[in-house]
Amino acid sequence: MANNTTHTTEYRVLARVLLVLMFLTFLTISVTSYHLAAFGVTVALLIAGTKGFLVLTYFMHLKYESLLLRILVSMVFVLYAVIILITFIDYAYR
């Protein structure tokens, strides 16, 4: 059976999330002007992961979904982190 409950988020909350996303985008752009060596990519990926989490949580209403779906999405983030870690380890030992 389909769950017909609707979840509404206030426009004020969505506007705040949008402002945070815009700030994080500006932060990503401004990080490129600093010489952070290998940490530049790490910072950019952390900011991108944070932005993805915000979009999933608020705009795709993940916080209203079942625990199983939230765990599955969390596992995707863990897999993302593991792949990035393996990539950095591979890059460090070349």
C-alpha atoms as a PDB file:
ATOM      1  CA  MET A   1       0.000   0.000   0.000  1.00  0.00           C
ATOM      2  CA  ALA A   2       1.151   3.493  -0.735  1.00  0.00           C
ATOM      3  CA  ASN A   3       1.702   5.929   2.066  1.00  0.00           C
ATOM      4  CA  ASN A   4      -0.365   8.979   1.133  1.00  0.00           C
ATOM      5  CA  THR A   5       0.888  11.305   3.828  1.00  0.00           C
ATOM      6  CA  THR A   6       2.308  14.517   2.493  1.00  0.00           C
ATOM      7  CA  HIS A   7       5.338  16.187   3.945  1.00  0.00           C
ATOM      8  CA  THR A   8       5.585  19.901   3.593  1.00  0.00           C
ATOM      9  CA  THR A   9       8.626  21.913   4.455  1.00  0.00           C
ATOM     10  CA  GLU A  10       8.260  25.588   5.201  1.00  0.00           C
ATOM     11  CA  TYR A  11       9.551  27.985   2.595  1.00  0.00           C
ATOM     12  CA  ARG A  12      11.654  29.633   5.270  1.00  0.00           C
ATOM     13  CA  VAL A  13      13.570  26.381   5.836  1.00  0.00           C
ATOM     14  CA  LEU A  14      13.997  25.798   2.115  1.00  0.00           C
ATOM     15  CA  ALA A  15      15.248  29.363   1.663  1.00  0.00           C
ATOM     16  CA  ARG A  16      17.816  28.867   4.425  1.00  0.00           C
ATOM     17  CA  VAL A  17      19.005  25.630   2.868  1.00  0.00           C
ATOM     18  CA  LEU A  18      19.270  27.385  -0.495  1.00  0.00           C
ATOM     19  CA  LEU A  19      21.366  30.144   1.073  1.00  0.00           C
ATOM     20  CA  VAL A  20      23.637  27.549   2.686  1.00  0.00           C
ATOM     21  CA  LEU A  21      24.021  25.778  -0.660  1.00  0.00           C
ATOM     22  CA  MET A  22      24.908  29.058  -2.344  1.00  0.00           C
ATOM     23  CA  PHE A  23      27.439  29.826   0.396  1.00  0.00           C
ATOM     24  CA  LEU A  24      29.000  26.377   0.011  1.00  0.00           C
ATOM     25  CA  THR A  25      29.222  26.905  -3.748  1.00  0.00           C
ATOM     26  CA  PHE A  26      30.967  30.239  -3.161  1.00  0.00           C
ATOM     27  CA  LEU A  27      33.258  28.514  -0.658  1.00  0.00           C
ATOM     28  CA  THR A  28      34.147  25.831  -3.209  1.00  0.00           C
ATOM     29  CA  ILE A  29      35.056  28.489  -5.744  1.00  0.00           C
ATOM     30  CA  SER A  30      37.067  30.511  -3.244  1.00  0.00           C
ATOM     31  CA  VAL A  31      39.034  27.437  -2.089  1.00  0.00           C
ATOM     32  CA  THR A  32      40.576  27.209  -5.553  1.00  0.00           C
ATOM     33  CA  SER A  33      42.384  30.525  -5.025  1.00  0.00           C
ATOM     34  CA  TYR A  34      44.388  29.088  -2.120  1.00  0.00           C
ATOM     35  CA  HIS A  35      47.271  26.685  -2.601  1.00  0.00           C
ATOM     36  CA  LEU A  36      46.284  23.703  -0.466  1.00  0.00           C
ATOM     37  CA  ALA A  37      48.217  21.076  -2.446  1.00  0.00           C
ATOM     38  CA  ALA A  38      46.450  17.698  -2.194  1.00  0.00           C
ATOM     39  CA  PHE A  39      44.035  19.014   0.424  1.00  0.00           C
ATOM     40  CA  GLY A  40      42.349  21.246  -2.160  1.00  0.00           C
ATOM     41  CA  VAL A  41      40.640  18.263  -3.719  1.00  0.00           C
ATOM     42  CA  THR A  42      39.783  16.881  -0.291  1.00  0.00           C
ATOM     43  CA  VAL A  43      38.134  20.128   0.777  1.00  0.00           C
ATOM     44  CA  ALA A  44      36.207  20.384  -2.488  1.00  0.00           C
ATOM     45  CA  LEU A  45      34.938  16.804  -2.133  1.00  0.00           C
ATOM     46  CA  LEU A  46      33.898  17.370   1.487  1.00  0.00           C
ATOM     47  CA  ILE A  47      31.961  20.475   0.485  1.00  0.00           C
ATOM     48  CA  ALA A  48      30.345  18.586  -2.407  1.00  0.00           C
ATOM     49  CA  GLY A  49      29.350  15.762  -0.066  1.00  0.00           C
ATOM     50  CA  THR A  50      27.821  18.259   2.351  1.00  0.00           C
ATOM     51  CA  LYS A  51      25.856  19.881  -0.453  1.00  0.00           C
ATOM     52  CA  GLY A  52      24.630  16.489  -1.624  1.00  0.00           C
ATOM     53  CA  PHE A  53      23.525  15.638   1.903  1.00  0.00           C
ATOM     54  CA  LEU A  54      21.559  18.891   2.176  1.00  0.00           C
ATOM     55  CA  VAL A  55      19.846  18.354  -1.156  1.00  0.00           C
ATOM     56  CA  LEU A  56      18.920  14.776  -0.266  1.00  0.00           C
ATOM     57  CA  THR A  57      17.675  15.700   3.186  1.00  0.00           C
ATOM     58  CA  TYR A  58      15.616  18.796   2.474  1.00  0.00           C
ATOM     59  CA  PHE A  59      14.783  19.000  -1.225  1.00  0.00           C
ATOM     60  CA  MET A  60      14.281  15.263  -1.753  1.00  0.00           C
ATOM     61  CA  HIS A  61      12.581  14.851   1.666  1.00  0.00           C
ATOM     62  CA  LEU A  62      14.842  12.027   2.805  1.00  0.00           C
ATOM     63  CA  LYS A  63      14.315  12.948   6.447  1.00  0.00           C
ATOM     64  CA  TYR A  64      10.676  11.860   6.133  1.00  0.00           C
ATOM     65  CA  GLU A  65      11.471   8.447   4.635  1.00  0.00           C
ATOM     66  CA  SER A  66      11.788   5.115   6.391  1.00  0.00           C
ATOM     67  CA  LEU A  67      14.853   4.106   8.358  1.00  0.00           C
ATOM     68  CA  LEU A  68      15.796   1.480   5.778  1.00  0.00           C
ATOM     69  CA  LEU A  69      15.961   4.013   2.955  1.00  0.00           C
ATOM     70  CA  ARG A  70      17.999   6.413   5.084  1.00  0.00           C
ATOM     71  CA  ILE A  71      20.446   3.613   5.894  1.00  0.00           C
ATOM     72  CA  LEU A  72      20.768   2.710   2.209  1.00  0.00           C
ATOM     73  CA  VAL A  73      21.505   6.307   1.252  1.00  0.00           C
ATOM     74  CA  SER A  74      24.011   6.534   4.108  1.00  0.00           C
ATOM     75  CA  MET A  75      25.744   3.456   2.749  1.00  0.00           C
ATOM     76  CA  VAL A  76      26.103   5.209  -0.599  1.00  0.00           C
ATOM     77  CA  PHE A  77      27.928   8.035   1.184  1.00  0.00           C
ATOM     78  CA  VAL A  78      30.155   5.497   2.946  1.00  0.00           C
ATOM     79  CA  LEU A  79      30.929   3.829  -0.387  1.00  0.00           C
ATOM     80  CA  TYR A  80      31.703   7.270  -1.859  1.00  0.00           C
ATOM     81  CA  ALA A  81      34.132   7.965   0.998  1.00  0.00           C
ATOM     82  CA  VAL A  82      35.826   4.574   0.610  1.00  0.00           C
ATOM     83  CA  ILE A  83      36.311   5.063  -3.134  1.00  0.00           C
ATOM     84  CA  ILE A  84      37.786   8.529  -2.579  1.00  0.00           C
ATOM     85  CA  LEU A  85      40.072   7.157   0.151  1.00  0.00           C
ATOM     86  CA  ILE A  86      41.284   4.352  -2.116  1.00  0.00           C
ATOM     87  CA  THR A  87      41.922   6.870  -4.877  1.00  0.00           C
ATOM     88  CA  PHE A  88      44.015   9.071  -2.581  1.00  0.00           C
ATOM     89  CA  ILE A  89      45.970   6.075  -1.285  1.00  0.00           C
ATOM     90  CA  ASP A  90      46.663   4.985  -4.853  1.00  0.00           C
ATOM     91  CA  TYR A  91      47.780   8.497  -5.773  1.00  0.00           C
ATOM     92  CA  ALA A  92      50.069   8.739  -2.716  1.00  0.00           C
ATOM     93  CA  TYR A  93      51.957   5.523  -3.551  1.00  0.00           C
ATOM     94  CA  ARG A  94      52.626   6.223  -7.217  1.00  0.00           C
END
